Structures are given as C-alpha cells and as structure tokens.
Amino acid sequence: MTPFEILVQAIGFVGIALNILSVQFNKHWQIMLLKTLGSMTFVLQYILLGAWVGMVMDLIGSIRNVIFTLNVKNGRSNKSWIIAFSIITFIAGLVTIITTWDKSIGYASNWSKDPSIILIIAVSISIISIVAKLLTTIAYGFKDPHRIRMVNIPSNACWVVYNLVAFSIAGVINDLMCLGSIVIAEIRFRKKKTAVPTLETAEVQTQDNDK
C-alpha cells in the first residue's frame, strides 16, 4: 500500500472508533458530538477516495446531528425535523441505489447465478440500506440516550446483513463491534442506576442508623 492509501484507511479506522465510542456516553449531546465527528471523518475519507455519494450521505447526517442536538439543548421537539430528514434520507438513499446499482448486482451475483434471485438480493440489500439510514435518523431525534442505543440495534443489524452480502468483512466487524458496544453501554448504565440509592432507601437507612 502507498502512504496515501494507508492514510485513507487510517482515517476510516478513526471514524469507526468514534462511532463505537459514541454509545458509551449517556448524554444526547455527547453521543451526537462523537457521531458527528465520526461522520465528518468519513466525509474526509470519501473525498480522498472520490466516493461522492457516500460523502453526501455522511454530510447530510452531520447536518442532521447538529440540528437535532441544538433542538434537544434548547428544549425544542425534533418531530418535524425527523420527518424532514427522513424524506431527505429516503431520496438520498434512492439516488445512492440508482448510482451504485451495478455494485448491488455485482454483490448479489456472488450468491447466485439465477437472474431472478440476483435481482431479489440486489433489491433486498438496497431496501435494507435505506431502512438502516432511516432508523438512525429516527434514533438521533430522541433525547433519551437509551432510546438512541435501542434504535441503533436494528440499524446496525441491517448493516451487518448488507455487509455480509457485499462480502465487506471490515464492515461486518465494525457493525458487530458497534452492537457489542451498545450492549456493554446498556449493562454499564443499568448497573449505575441500580447502584444509586433511591430517596426512600436513603431515608430507611438513615432511620436504621438512628436506632
């Protein structure tokens, strides 16, 4: 690999690390900050690779994250923005499918030689990619970090299927690690919740100590 290729791949790994780390935080703005930094890292990588469709998708995602974060910070609802960005994401997803249809057919042809089955697989993974993008749009509109993580689970699961069909081992590993990170975060934060004594428990303990 050339120094340039190594640099491009290194940028991608930074983006992956930021995405995996993001769900380990329990505040909306913290999750969104790292997700946005991860998306912008991939924007840079896509520019260097000349992958303009991917660049546009992640740029839209970054703008969406900033707007959602500002709305949550100022106590405003994200409902109308979720609808707006869902429409934008759907349209961008269709554009992506159209412009990369040859690749989808190529991925599908690795699994079958039957033209009808190839078409079904290609359409299926295209739909899966749009569903995954729509799920993250809905997820990041929530204020509750728990909800964000929960909706990210089916989104990452969709990408696991997509990357399996595309034989993207790095993509599968990334999404599995993201799923693992969500599970670890949920266990960690639930333990913290149960470890914090409630007001009633504290009062009972105080009374017992007084006796």
N, C-alpha and C. Protein backbone atom coordinates (compact mmCIF):
# COMPACT_ATOMS: atom_id res chain seq x y z
N MET A 1 0.83 -1.21 0.00
CA MET A 1 0.00 0.00 0.00
C MET A 1 0.86 1.25 0.00
N THR A 2 0.40 2.25 -0.72
CA THR A 2 1.12 3.53 -0.76
C THR A 2 0.83 4.32 0.53
N PRO A 3 1.70 5.30 0.86
CA PRO A 3 1.44 6.14 2.04
C PRO A 3 0.06 6.80 2.00
N PHE A 4 -0.39 7.19 0.80
CA PHE A 4 -1.71 7.81 0.65
C PHE A 4 -2.81 6.83 1.01
N GLU A 5 -2.71 5.59 0.51
CA GLU A 5 -3.72 4.56 0.80
C GLU A 5 -3.76 4.23 2.29
N ILE A 6 -2.59 4.19 2.92
CA ILE A 6 -2.51 3.93 4.36
C ILE A 6 -3.21 5.05 5.13
N LEU A 7 -2.97 6.30 4.70
CA LEU A 7 -3.60 7.47 5.34
C LEU A 7 -5.12 7.39 5.22
N VAL A 8 -5.61 7.05 4.03
CA VAL A 8 -7.07 6.96 3.80
C VAL A 8 -7.69 5.90 4.70
N GLN A 9 -7.04 4.74 4.79
CA GLN A 9 -7.56 3.66 5.63
C GLN A 9 -7.51 4.04 7.11
N ALA A 10 -6.45 4.73 7.50
CA ALA A 10 -6.30 5.17 8.90
C ALA A 10 -7.43 6.12 9.29
N ILE A 11 -7.79 7.01 8.37
CA ILE A 11 -8.90 7.95 8.60
C ILE A 11 -10.19 7.17 8.83
N GLY A 12 -10.40 6.11 8.05
CA GLY A 12 -11.59 5.27 8.21
C GLY A 12 -11.64 4.61 9.57
N PHE A 13 -10.49 4.13 10.05
CA PHE A 13 -10.44 3.48 11.37
C PHE A 13 -10.73 4.47 12.49
N VAL A 14 -10.32 5.72 12.31
CA VAL A 14 -10.63 6.77 13.30
C VAL A 14 -12.15 6.97 13.36
N GLY A 15 -12.78 7.02 12.18
CA GLY A 15 -14.24 7.17 12.12
C GLY A 15 -14.96 6.02 12.78
N ILE A 16 -14.49 4.79 12.56
CA ILE A 16 -15.07 3.61 13.19
C ILE A 16 -14.96 3.70 14.71
N ALA A 17 -13.77 4.08 15.19
CA ALA A 17 -13.54 4.19 16.64
C ALA A 17 -14.47 5.21 17.28
N LEU A 18 -14.68 6.34 16.61
CA LEU A 18 -15.57 7.38 17.13
C LEU A 18 -17.01 6.89 17.21
N ASN A 19 -17.46 6.14 16.20
CA ASN A 19 -18.82 5.60 16.19
C ASN A 19 -19.02 4.57 17.30
N ILE A 20 -18.03 3.71 17.50
CA ILE A 20 -18.12 2.69 18.55
C ILE A 20 -18.11 3.34 19.93
N LEU A 21 -17.27 4.35 20.10
CA LEU A 21 -17.14 5.03 21.39
C LEU A 21 -18.38 5.86 21.74
N SER A 22 -19.08 6.37 20.74
CA SER A 22 -20.19 7.31 20.97
C SER A 22 -21.26 6.77 21.91
N VAL A 23 -21.62 5.48 21.77
CA VAL A 23 -22.72 4.93 22.57
C VAL A 23 -22.31 4.67 24.02
N GLN A 24 -21.03 4.85 24.34
CA GLN A 24 -20.58 4.65 25.72
C GLN A 24 -20.87 5.87 26.59
N PHE A 25 -21.42 6.92 25.99
CA PHE A 25 -21.79 8.11 26.75
C PHE A 25 -23.29 8.11 26.99
N ASN A 26 -23.73 8.85 28.00
CA ASN A 26 -25.14 8.79 28.37
C ASN A 26 -25.82 10.16 28.33
N LYS A 27 -25.29 11.05 27.52
CA LYS A 27 -25.94 12.34 27.28
C LYS A 27 -26.09 12.52 25.77
N HIS A 28 -27.23 13.09 25.39
CA HIS A 28 -27.53 13.23 23.96
C HIS A 28 -26.43 13.97 23.21
N TRP A 29 -25.99 15.11 23.75
CA TRP A 29 -25.01 15.94 23.04
C TRP A 29 -23.67 15.24 22.91
N GLN A 30 -23.32 14.40 23.90
CA GLN A 30 -22.05 13.67 23.83
C GLN A 30 -22.09 12.61 22.71
N ILE A 31 -23.22 11.88 22.66
CA ILE A 31 -23.38 10.87 21.61
C ILE A 31 -23.36 11.52 20.23
N MET A 32 -24.11 12.63 20.11
CA MET A 32 -24.19 13.33 18.82
C MET A 32 -22.85 13.94 18.40
N LEU A 33 -22.09 14.44 19.38
CA LEU A 33 -20.79 15.03 19.08
C LEU A 33 -19.87 13.99 18.45
N LEU A 34 -19.78 12.82 19.09
CA LEU A 34 -18.89 11.78 18.57
C LEU A 34 -19.40 11.19 17.26
N LYS A 35 -20.73 11.05 17.15
CA LYS A 35 -21.31 10.55 15.89
C LYS A 35 -21.03 11.53 14.74
N THR A 36 -21.14 12.82 15.04
CA THR A 36 -20.88 13.84 14.02
C THR A 36 -19.40 13.87 13.63
N LEU A 37 -18.53 13.77 14.62
CA LEU A 37 -17.10 13.71 14.33
C LEU A 37 -16.77 12.47 13.49
N GLY A 38 -17.44 11.34 13.83
CA GLY A 38 -17.25 10.12 13.05
C GLY A 38 -17.70 10.30 11.61
N SER A 39 -18.88 10.93 11.43
CA SER A 39 -19.41 11.16 10.07
C SER A 39 -18.50 12.09 9.28
N MET A 40 -18.01 13.15 9.93
CA MET A 40 -17.13 14.09 9.23
C MET A 40 -15.79 13.45 8.88
N THR A 41 -15.36 12.51 9.70
CA THR A 41 -14.14 11.77 9.40
C THR A 41 -14.33 10.96 8.12
N PHE A 42 -15.51 10.34 8.01
CA PHE A 42 -15.80 9.57 6.79
C PHE A 42 -16.02 10.49 5.59
N VAL A 43 -16.55 11.69 5.82
CA VAL A 43 -16.68 12.67 4.73
C VAL A 43 -15.30 12.93 4.13
N LEU A 44 -14.32 13.14 5.02
CA LEU A 44 -12.94 13.37 4.56
C LEU A 44 -12.41 12.16 3.79
N GLN A 45 -12.65 10.98 4.33
CA GLN A 45 -12.17 9.77 3.67
C GLN A 45 -12.81 9.60 2.29
N TYR A 46 -14.13 9.84 2.21
CA TYR A 46 -14.83 9.70 0.93
C TYR A 46 -14.35 10.71 -0.10
N ILE A 47 -14.01 11.92 0.36
CA ILE A 47 -13.47 12.94 -0.56
C ILE A 47 -12.15 12.44 -1.15
N LEU A 48 -11.30 11.90 -0.28
CA LEU A 48 -10.00 11.39 -0.73
C LEU A 48 -10.15 10.19 -1.66
N LEU A 49 -11.23 9.41 -1.45
CA LEU A 49 -11.47 8.24 -2.30
C LEU A 49 -12.23 8.58 -3.56
N GLY A 50 -12.83 9.80 -3.59
CA GLY A 50 -13.66 10.18 -4.71
C GLY A 50 -15.02 9.52 -4.67
N ALA A 51 -15.44 9.07 -3.48
CA ALA A 51 -16.75 8.43 -3.31
C ALA A 51 -17.77 9.50 -2.93
N TRP A 52 -18.29 10.19 -3.93
CA TRP A 52 -19.08 11.39 -3.68
C TRP A 52 -20.46 11.11 -3.09
N VAL A 53 -21.06 9.97 -3.45
CA VAL A 53 -22.37 9.63 -2.89
C VAL A 53 -22.26 9.41 -1.38
N GLY A 54 -21.26 8.63 -0.97
CA GLY A 54 -21.03 8.38 0.46
C GLY A 54 -20.73 9.66 1.20
N MET A 55 -19.98 10.55 0.55
CA MET A 55 -19.64 11.83 1.16
C MET A 55 -20.89 12.66 1.42
N VAL A 56 -21.78 12.72 0.42
CA VAL A 56 -23.02 13.49 0.56
C VAL A 56 -23.89 12.92 1.67
N MET A 57 -24.01 11.59 1.74
CA MET A 57 -24.84 10.94 2.77
C MET A 57 -24.35 11.27 4.17
N ASP A 58 -23.02 11.19 4.38
CA ASP A 58 -22.48 11.48 5.70
C ASP A 58 -22.53 12.97 6.02
N LEU A 59 -22.44 13.81 5.00
CA LEU A 59 -22.55 15.25 5.22
C LEU A 59 -23.97 15.61 5.66
N ILE A 60 -24.96 14.99 5.01
CA ILE A 60 -26.36 15.19 5.42
C ILE A 60 -26.55 14.72 6.86
N GLY A 61 -25.95 13.57 7.18
CA GLY A 61 -26.04 13.04 8.55
C GLY A 61 -25.44 13.97 9.57
N SER A 62 -24.33 14.61 9.23
CA SER A 62 -23.66 15.54 10.15
C SER A 62 -24.54 16.77 10.41
N ILE A 63 -25.12 17.32 9.33
CA ILE A 63 -26.01 18.48 9.48
C ILE A 63 -27.22 18.10 10.33
N ARG A 64 -27.78 16.92 10.07
CA ARG A 64 -28.91 16.41 10.86
C ARG A 64 -28.56 16.32 12.34
N ASN A 65 -27.40 15.77 12.64
CA ASN A 65 -26.97 15.61 14.04
C ASN A 65 -26.86 16.95 14.76
N VAL A 66 -26.30 17.95 14.07
CA VAL A 66 -26.14 19.28 14.67
C VAL A 66 -27.51 19.89 14.99
N ILE A 67 -28.44 19.80 14.03
CA ILE A 67 -29.79 20.35 14.24
C ILE A 67 -30.50 19.64 15.38
N PHE A 68 -30.44 18.31 15.41
CA PHE A 68 -31.07 17.55 16.49
C PHE A 68 -30.49 17.93 17.85
N THR A 69 -29.17 18.08 17.91
CA THR A 69 -28.51 18.42 19.17
C THR A 69 -28.94 19.79 19.67
N LEU A 70 -29.00 20.77 18.77
CA LEU A 70 -29.41 22.12 19.15
C LEU A 70 -30.86 22.14 19.62
N ASN A 71 -31.72 21.36 18.97
CA ASN A 71 -33.12 21.29 19.37
C ASN A 71 -33.28 20.70 20.76
N VAL A 72 -32.56 19.61 21.02
CA VAL A 72 -32.62 18.97 22.34
C VAL A 72 -32.09 19.91 23.41
N LYS A 73 -30.97 20.58 23.11
CA LYS A 73 -30.36 21.50 24.07
C LYS A 73 -31.31 22.65 24.42
N ASN A 74 -32.07 23.13 23.44
CA ASN A 74 -32.97 24.27 23.66
C ASN A 74 -34.40 23.84 23.98
N GLY A 75 -34.60 22.55 24.23
CA GLY A 75 -35.92 22.06 24.63
C GLY A 75 -36.95 22.05 23.52
N ARG A 76 -36.51 22.03 22.26
CA ARG A 76 -37.43 22.00 21.13
C ARG A 76 -37.63 20.58 20.63
N SER A 77 -38.79 20.33 20.05
CA SER A 77 -39.10 19.00 19.52
C SER A 77 -38.37 18.75 18.20
N ASN A 78 -37.99 17.49 18.00
CA ASN A 78 -37.32 17.10 16.76
C ASN A 78 -38.28 16.44 15.77
N LYS A 79 -39.58 16.37 16.11
CA LYS A 79 -40.53 15.61 15.30
C LYS A 79 -40.55 16.06 13.84
N SER A 80 -40.70 17.37 13.62
CA SER A 80 -40.77 17.87 12.24
C SER A 80 -39.45 17.64 11.50
N TRP A 81 -38.34 17.78 12.23
CA TRP A 81 -37.02 17.57 11.62
C TRP A 81 -36.78 16.09 11.30
N ILE A 82 -37.32 15.19 12.16
CA ILE A 82 -37.20 13.76 11.89
C ILE A 82 -37.90 13.43 10.57
N ILE A 83 -39.10 14.01 10.37
CA ILE A 83 -39.85 13.79 9.13
C ILE A 83 -39.07 14.36 7.94
N ALA A 84 -38.56 15.60 8.10
CA ALA A 84 -37.83 16.26 7.02
C ALA A 84 -36.59 15.46 6.62
N PHE A 85 -35.79 15.06 7.63
CA PHE A 85 -34.55 14.33 7.32
C PHE A 85 -34.83 12.90 6.87
N SER A 86 -35.97 12.33 7.28
CA SER A 86 -36.35 11.00 6.79
C SER A 86 -36.63 11.07 5.30
N ILE A 87 -37.31 12.13 4.87
CA ILE A 87 -37.59 12.32 3.43
C ILE A 87 -36.29 12.53 2.67
N ILE A 88 -35.42 13.40 3.22
CA ILE A 88 -34.12 13.67 2.58
C ILE A 88 -33.29 12.39 2.48
N THR A 89 -33.27 11.62 3.60
CA THR A 89 -32.51 10.37 3.64
C THR A 89 -33.06 9.36 2.64
N PHE A 90 -34.40 9.29 2.53
CA PHE A 90 -35.03 8.36 1.60
C PHE A 90 -34.66 8.70 0.16
N ILE A 91 -34.74 9.99 -0.17
CA ILE A 91 -34.39 10.44 -1.53
C ILE A 91 -32.91 10.18 -1.82
N ALA A 92 -32.05 10.54 -0.82
CA ALA A 92 -30.61 10.31 -0.99
C ALA A 92 -30.31 8.82 -1.12
N GLY A 93 -31.08 8.00 -0.38
CA GLY A 93 -30.90 6.55 -0.47
C GLY A 93 -31.24 6.03 -1.85
N LEU A 94 -32.34 6.55 -2.42
CA LEU A 94 -32.73 6.14 -3.78
C LEU A 94 -31.67 6.54 -4.80
N VAL A 95 -31.15 7.76 -4.63
CA VAL A 95 -30.08 8.23 -5.52
C VAL A 95 -28.86 7.31 -5.42
N THR A 96 -28.54 6.92 -4.18
CA THR A 96 -27.41 6.03 -3.95
C THR A 96 -27.62 4.69 -4.64
N ILE A 97 -28.84 4.15 -4.50
CA ILE A 97 -29.15 2.87 -5.13
C ILE A 97 -29.01 2.95 -6.65
N ILE A 98 -29.56 4.02 -7.23
CA ILE A 98 -29.51 4.19 -8.69
C ILE A 98 -28.07 4.31 -9.19
N THR A 99 -27.28 5.13 -8.46
CA THR A 99 -25.90 5.39 -8.91
C THR A 99 -24.95 4.22 -8.62
N THR A 100 -25.35 3.32 -7.72
CA THR A 100 -24.47 2.18 -7.38
C THR A 100 -25.15 0.85 -7.68
N TRP A 101 -26.15 0.87 -8.58
CA TRP A 101 -26.91 -0.35 -8.87
C TRP A 101 -26.03 -1.46 -9.42
N ASP A 102 -25.05 -1.12 -10.23
CA ASP A 102 -24.14 -2.14 -10.78
C ASP A 102 -23.41 -2.88 -9.66
N LYS A 103 -23.04 -2.13 -8.60
CA LYS A 103 -22.35 -2.76 -7.46
C LYS A 103 -23.29 -3.71 -6.73
N SER A 104 -24.56 -3.29 -6.56
CA SER A 104 -25.54 -4.14 -5.88
C SER A 104 -25.74 -5.45 -6.66
N ILE A 105 -25.84 -5.33 -7.99
CA ILE A 105 -25.97 -6.53 -8.83
C ILE A 105 -24.72 -7.40 -8.71
N GLY A 106 -23.56 -6.73 -8.64
CA GLY A 106 -22.29 -7.47 -8.50
C GLY A 106 -22.23 -8.23 -7.18
N TYR A 107 -22.65 -7.59 -6.09
CA TYR A 107 -22.69 -8.27 -4.79
C TYR A 107 -23.62 -9.48 -4.84
N ALA A 108 -24.81 -9.28 -5.42
CA ALA A 108 -25.82 -10.34 -5.47
C ALA A 108 -25.37 -11.52 -6.32
N SER A 109 -24.64 -11.23 -7.39
CA SER A 109 -24.19 -12.30 -8.30
C SER A 109 -23.17 -13.23 -7.65
N ASN A 110 -22.58 -12.81 -6.54
CA ASN A 110 -21.67 -13.68 -5.81
C ASN A 110 -22.41 -14.79 -5.06
N TRP A 111 -23.73 -14.59 -4.88
CA TRP A 111 -24.54 -15.55 -4.12
C TRP A 111 -25.40 -16.45 -4.99
N SER A 112 -25.61 -16.08 -6.24
CA SER A 112 -26.44 -16.89 -7.13
C SER A 112 -26.15 -16.53 -8.59
N LYS A 113 -26.45 -17.48 -9.46
CA LYS A 113 -26.31 -17.23 -10.90
C LYS A 113 -27.68 -17.08 -11.56
N ASP A 114 -28.73 -17.31 -10.79
CA ASP A 114 -30.10 -17.16 -11.28
C ASP A 114 -30.44 -15.67 -11.34
N PRO A 115 -30.76 -15.13 -12.53
CA PRO A 115 -31.05 -13.69 -12.68
C PRO A 115 -32.15 -13.18 -11.76
N SER A 116 -33.20 -13.99 -11.55
CA SER A 116 -34.31 -13.56 -10.70
C SER A 116 -33.89 -13.47 -9.24
N ILE A 117 -33.07 -14.41 -8.79
CA ILE A 117 -32.58 -14.40 -7.41
C ILE A 117 -31.59 -13.25 -7.22
N ILE A 118 -30.75 -13.02 -8.21
CA ILE A 118 -29.80 -11.89 -8.16
C ILE A 118 -30.55 -10.58 -8.00
N LEU A 119 -31.65 -10.43 -8.76
CA LEU A 119 -32.46 -9.21 -8.68
C LEU A 119 -33.09 -9.05 -7.30
N ILE A 120 -33.60 -10.17 -6.76
CA ILE A 120 -34.24 -10.14 -5.43
C ILE A 120 -33.23 -9.73 -4.36
N ILE A 121 -32.02 -10.31 -4.42
CA ILE A 121 -30.98 -9.99 -3.44
C ILE A 121 -30.56 -8.53 -3.56
N ALA A 122 -30.38 -8.07 -4.80
CA ALA A 122 -29.96 -6.68 -5.03
C ALA A 122 -30.99 -5.69 -4.51
N VAL A 123 -32.27 -5.96 -4.78
CA VAL A 123 -33.36 -5.09 -4.29
C VAL A 123 -33.42 -5.14 -2.77
N SER A 124 -33.28 -6.35 -2.22
CA SER A 124 -33.38 -6.53 -0.76
C SER A 124 -32.30 -5.75 -0.01
N ILE A 125 -31.05 -5.85 -0.46
CA ILE A 125 -29.99 -5.13 0.25
C ILE A 125 -30.10 -3.62 0.06
N SER A 126 -30.69 -3.23 -1.07
CA SER A 126 -30.92 -1.79 -1.30
C SER A 126 -31.96 -1.26 -0.32
N ILE A 127 -33.04 -2.03 -0.14
CA ILE A 127 -34.08 -1.65 0.82
C ILE A 127 -33.51 -1.64 2.24
N ILE A 128 -32.69 -2.66 2.56
CA ILE A 128 -32.08 -2.75 3.89
C ILE A 128 -31.23 -1.51 4.18
N SER A 129 -30.48 -1.04 3.17
CA SER A 129 -29.61 0.12 3.38
C SER A 129 -30.43 1.37 3.68
N ILE A 130 -31.57 1.54 3.00
CA ILE A 130 -32.43 2.70 3.25
C ILE A 130 -33.07 2.61 4.63
N VAL A 131 -33.56 1.41 5.00
CA VAL A 131 -34.17 1.21 6.32
C VAL A 131 -33.17 1.53 7.42
N ALA A 132 -31.93 1.08 7.25
CA ALA A 132 -30.88 1.34 8.24
C ALA A 132 -30.65 2.84 8.42
N LYS A 133 -30.62 3.57 7.31
CA LYS A 133 -30.40 5.02 7.37
C LYS A 133 -31.59 5.73 8.01
N LEU A 134 -32.81 5.28 7.71
CA LEU A 134 -34.00 5.88 8.30
C LEU A 134 -34.05 5.64 9.80
N LEU A 135 -33.64 4.44 10.23
CA LEU A 135 -33.64 4.11 11.66
C LEU A 135 -32.71 5.04 12.45
N THR A 136 -31.53 5.32 11.91
CA THR A 136 -30.61 6.20 12.62
C THR A 136 -31.14 7.64 12.65
N THR A 137 -31.84 8.03 11.59
CA THR A 137 -32.46 9.36 11.57
C THR A 137 -33.48 9.49 12.70
N ILE A 138 -34.29 8.45 12.87
CA ILE A 138 -35.29 8.43 13.95
C ILE A 138 -34.58 8.39 15.31
N ALA A 139 -33.56 7.54 15.42
CA ALA A 139 -32.86 7.35 16.70
C ALA A 139 -32.25 8.64 17.22
N TYR A 140 -31.57 9.37 16.35
CA TYR A 140 -30.85 10.56 16.80
C TYR A 140 -31.78 11.73 17.11
N GLY A 141 -33.05 11.59 16.74
CA GLY A 141 -34.03 12.62 17.09
C GLY A 141 -34.52 12.50 18.51
N PHE A 142 -34.27 11.34 19.13
CA PHE A 142 -34.68 11.15 20.53
C PHE A 142 -33.74 11.88 21.47
N LYS A 143 -34.30 12.32 22.60
CA LYS A 143 -33.48 12.96 23.63
C LYS A 143 -32.83 11.92 24.54
N ASP A 144 -33.55 10.81 24.76
CA ASP A 144 -33.11 9.77 25.69
C ASP A 144 -32.00 8.91 25.07
N PRO A 145 -30.79 8.89 25.66
CA PRO A 145 -29.69 8.08 25.13
C PRO A 145 -30.03 6.59 25.04
N HIS A 146 -30.85 6.11 25.97
CA HIS A 146 -31.25 4.70 25.95
C HIS A 146 -32.02 4.38 24.67
N ARG A 147 -32.95 5.26 24.30
CA ARG A 147 -33.70 5.08 23.05
C ARG A 147 -32.79 5.13 21.83
N ILE A 148 -31.83 6.04 21.87
CA ILE A 148 -30.88 6.15 20.75
C ILE A 148 -30.16 4.83 20.55
N ARG A 149 -29.69 4.26 21.66
CA ARG A 149 -28.96 2.98 21.56
C ARG A 149 -29.87 1.85 21.08
N MET A 150 -31.12 1.81 21.60
CA MET A 150 -32.04 0.73 21.25
C MET A 150 -32.40 0.75 19.75
N VAL A 151 -32.64 1.94 19.19
CA VAL A 151 -33.00 2.03 17.77
C VAL A 151 -31.77 1.79 16.89
N ASN A 152 -30.59 2.01 17.45
CA ASN A 152 -29.35 1.73 16.70
C ASN A 152 -29.12 0.24 16.54
N ILE A 153 -29.71 -0.58 17.42
CA ILE A 153 -29.52 -2.03 17.33
C ILE A 153 -30.04 -2.59 16.01
N PRO A 154 -31.34 -2.35 15.65
CA PRO A 154 -31.80 -2.86 14.34
C PRO A 154 -31.08 -2.20 13.16
N SER A 155 -30.66 -0.95 13.33
CA SER A 155 -29.92 -0.28 12.26
C SER A 155 -28.60 -0.99 11.99
N ASN A 156 -27.84 -1.25 13.06
CA ASN A 156 -26.57 -1.96 12.90
C ASN A 156 -26.78 -3.38 12.40
N ALA A 157 -27.87 -4.01 12.83
CA ALA A 157 -28.18 -5.37 12.36
C ALA A 157 -28.42 -5.36 10.84
N CYS A 158 -29.10 -4.32 10.36
CA CYS A 158 -29.33 -4.18 8.91
C CYS A 158 -28.01 -4.08 8.16
N TRP A 159 -27.08 -3.28 8.73
CA TRP A 159 -25.79 -3.11 8.07
C TRP A 159 -24.95 -4.38 8.11
N VAL A 160 -25.13 -5.21 9.16
CA VAL A 160 -24.42 -6.49 9.22
C VAL A 160 -24.85 -7.35 8.03
N VAL A 161 -26.18 -7.42 7.79
CA VAL A 161 -26.70 -8.19 6.67
C VAL A 161 -26.17 -7.64 5.34
N TYR A 162 -26.24 -6.31 5.20
CA TYR A 162 -25.78 -5.66 3.95
C TYR A 162 -24.31 -5.99 3.69
N ASN A 163 -23.49 -5.82 4.72
CA ASN A 163 -22.05 -6.04 4.55
C ASN A 163 -21.70 -7.51 4.34
N LEU A 164 -22.51 -8.41 4.91
CA LEU A 164 -22.31 -9.84 4.66
C LEU A 164 -22.53 -10.15 3.18
N VAL A 165 -23.62 -9.63 2.63
CA VAL A 165 -23.93 -9.84 1.21
C VAL A 165 -22.84 -9.24 0.34
N ALA A 166 -22.33 -8.07 0.77
CA ALA A 166 -21.29 -7.37 -0.01
C ALA A 166 -19.89 -7.92 0.24
N PHE A 167 -19.79 -8.95 1.12
CA PHE A 167 -18.50 -9.53 1.49
C PHE A 167 -17.54 -8.48 2.06
N SER A 168 -18.10 -7.51 2.78
CA SER A 168 -17.27 -6.50 3.44
C SER A 168 -16.99 -6.96 4.87
N ILE A 169 -15.89 -7.66 5.04
CA ILE A 169 -15.54 -8.20 6.35
C ILE A 169 -15.31 -7.08 7.36
N ALA A 170 -14.63 -6.02 6.91
CA ALA A 170 -14.36 -4.88 7.79
C ALA A 170 -15.68 -4.24 8.24
N GLY A 171 -16.65 -4.15 7.30
CA GLY A 171 -17.95 -3.58 7.63
C GLY A 171 -18.70 -4.42 8.64
N VAL A 172 -18.66 -5.74 8.47
CA VAL A 172 -19.32 -6.66 9.40
C VAL A 172 -18.70 -6.54 10.79
N ILE A 173 -17.36 -6.52 10.85
CA ILE A 173 -16.66 -6.41 12.13
C ILE A 173 -17.02 -5.09 12.82
N ASN A 174 -17.06 -4.01 12.03
CA ASN A 174 -17.40 -2.69 12.57
C ASN A 174 -18.79 -2.70 13.19
N ASP A 175 -19.78 -3.23 12.45
CA ASP A 175 -21.17 -3.22 12.93
C ASP A 175 -21.36 -4.15 14.12
N LEU A 176 -20.68 -5.29 14.12
CA LEU A 176 -20.75 -6.20 15.27
C LEU A 176 -20.13 -5.55 16.51
N MET A 177 -19.04 -4.80 16.30
CA MET A 177 -18.40 -4.09 17.42
C MET A 177 -19.31 -2.97 17.95
N CYS A 178 -20.02 -2.32 17.04
CA CYS A 178 -20.99 -1.28 17.45
C CYS A 178 -22.11 -1.89 18.27
N LEU A 179 -22.61 -3.06 17.83
CA LEU A 179 -23.65 -3.76 18.58
C LEU A 179 -23.14 -4.18 19.95
N GLY A 180 -21.91 -4.69 19.98
CA GLY A 180 -21.30 -5.07 21.26
C GLY A 180 -21.13 -3.87 22.18
N SER A 181 -20.76 -2.73 21.60
CA SER A 181 -20.57 -1.51 22.38
C SER A 181 -21.90 -1.04 22.99
N ILE A 182 -22.99 -1.20 22.23
CA ILE A 182 -24.31 -0.83 22.74
C ILE A 182 -24.70 -1.71 23.92
N VAL A 183 -24.47 -3.01 23.77
CA VAL A 183 -24.79 -3.95 24.86
C VAL A 183 -23.99 -3.62 26.11
N ILE A 184 -22.70 -3.37 25.94
CA ILE A 184 -21.83 -3.02 27.08
C ILE A 184 -22.31 -1.74 27.75
N ALA A 185 -22.67 -0.74 26.93
CA ALA A 185 -23.14 0.55 27.47
C ALA A 185 -24.42 0.36 28.26
N GLU A 186 -25.36 -0.43 27.72
CA GLU A 186 -26.64 -0.65 28.41
C GLU A 186 -26.43 -1.35 29.76
N ILE A 187 -25.56 -2.36 29.77
CA ILE A 187 -25.26 -3.06 31.02
C ILE A 187 -24.60 -2.12 32.02
N ARG A 188 -23.66 -1.33 31.53
CA ARG A 188 -22.91 -0.41 32.40
C ARG A 188 -23.83 0.64 33.03
N PHE A 189 -24.70 1.25 32.20
CA PHE A 189 -25.56 2.32 32.72
C PHE A 189 -26.68 1.77 33.59
N ARG A 190 -27.13 0.55 33.33
CA ARG A 190 -28.15 -0.05 34.19
C ARG A 190 -27.58 -0.39 35.56
N LYS A 191 -26.32 -0.83 35.56
CA LYS A 191 -25.65 -1.11 36.84
C LYS A 191 -25.51 0.17 37.65
N LYS A 192 -25.18 1.26 36.97
CA LYS A 192 -25.05 2.56 37.65
C LYS A 192 -26.37 2.99 38.26
N LYS A 193 -27.48 2.73 37.52
CA LYS A 193 -28.80 3.11 38.01
C LYS A 193 -29.16 2.36 39.28
N THR A 194 -28.92 1.04 39.25
CA THR A 194 -29.26 0.22 40.41
C THR A 194 -28.33 0.49 41.58
N ALA A 195 -27.12 0.97 41.29
CA ALA A 195 -26.16 1.24 42.36
C ALA A 195 -26.48 2.53 43.10
N VAL A 196 -27.21 3.46 42.45
CA VAL A 196 -27.56 4.73 43.09
C VAL A 196 -28.77 4.53 43.97
N PRO A 197 -28.67 4.75 45.29
CA PRO A 197 -29.80 4.53 46.19
C PRO A 197 -30.90 5.55 45.94
N THR A 198 -32.15 5.08 46.02
CA THR A 198 -33.28 5.98 45.87
C THR A 198 -33.46 6.79 47.14
N LEU A 199 -34.32 7.82 47.09
CA LEU A 199 -34.56 8.68 48.24
C LEU A 199 -35.18 7.88 49.38
N GLU A 200 -36.11 6.96 49.02
CA GLU A 200 -36.76 6.15 50.04
C GLU A 200 -35.77 5.24 50.74
N THR A 201 -34.88 4.64 49.95
CA THR A 201 -33.86 3.75 50.52
C THR A 201 -32.94 4.51 51.46
N ALA A 202 -32.56 5.73 51.03
CA ALA A 202 -31.68 6.55 51.86
C ALA A 202 -32.35 6.92 53.18
N GLU A 203 -33.66 7.19 53.13
CA GLU A 203 -34.39 7.58 54.36
C GLU A 203 -34.46 6.38 55.32
N VAL A 204 -34.73 5.18 54.77
CA VAL A 204 -34.81 3.97 55.59
C VAL A 204 -33.48 3.70 56.27
N GLN A 205 -32.38 3.85 55.48
CA GLN A 205 -31.04 3.63 56.04
C GLN A 205 -30.74 4.62 57.14
N THR A 206 -31.15 5.85 56.97
CA THR A 206 -30.93 6.89 57.98
C THR A 206 -31.67 6.56 59.27
N GLN A 207 -32.95 6.09 59.12
CA GLN A 207 -33.74 5.72 60.29
C GLN A 207 -33.13 4.56 61.02
N ASP A 208 -32.63 3.56 60.24
CA ASP A 208 -31.99 2.39 60.87
C ASP A 208 -30.75 2.80 61.64
N ASN A 209 -29.98 3.74 61.04
CA ASN A 209 -28.77 4.20 61.72
C ASN A 209 -29.08 4.94 63.01
N ASP A 210 -30.23 5.70 62.99
CA ASP A 210 -30.63 6.45 64.18
C ASP A 210 -31.01 5.53 65.32
N LYS A 211 -31.57 4.34 64.97
CA LYS A 211 -31.96 3.38 66.01
C LYS A 211 -30.71 2.78 66.66
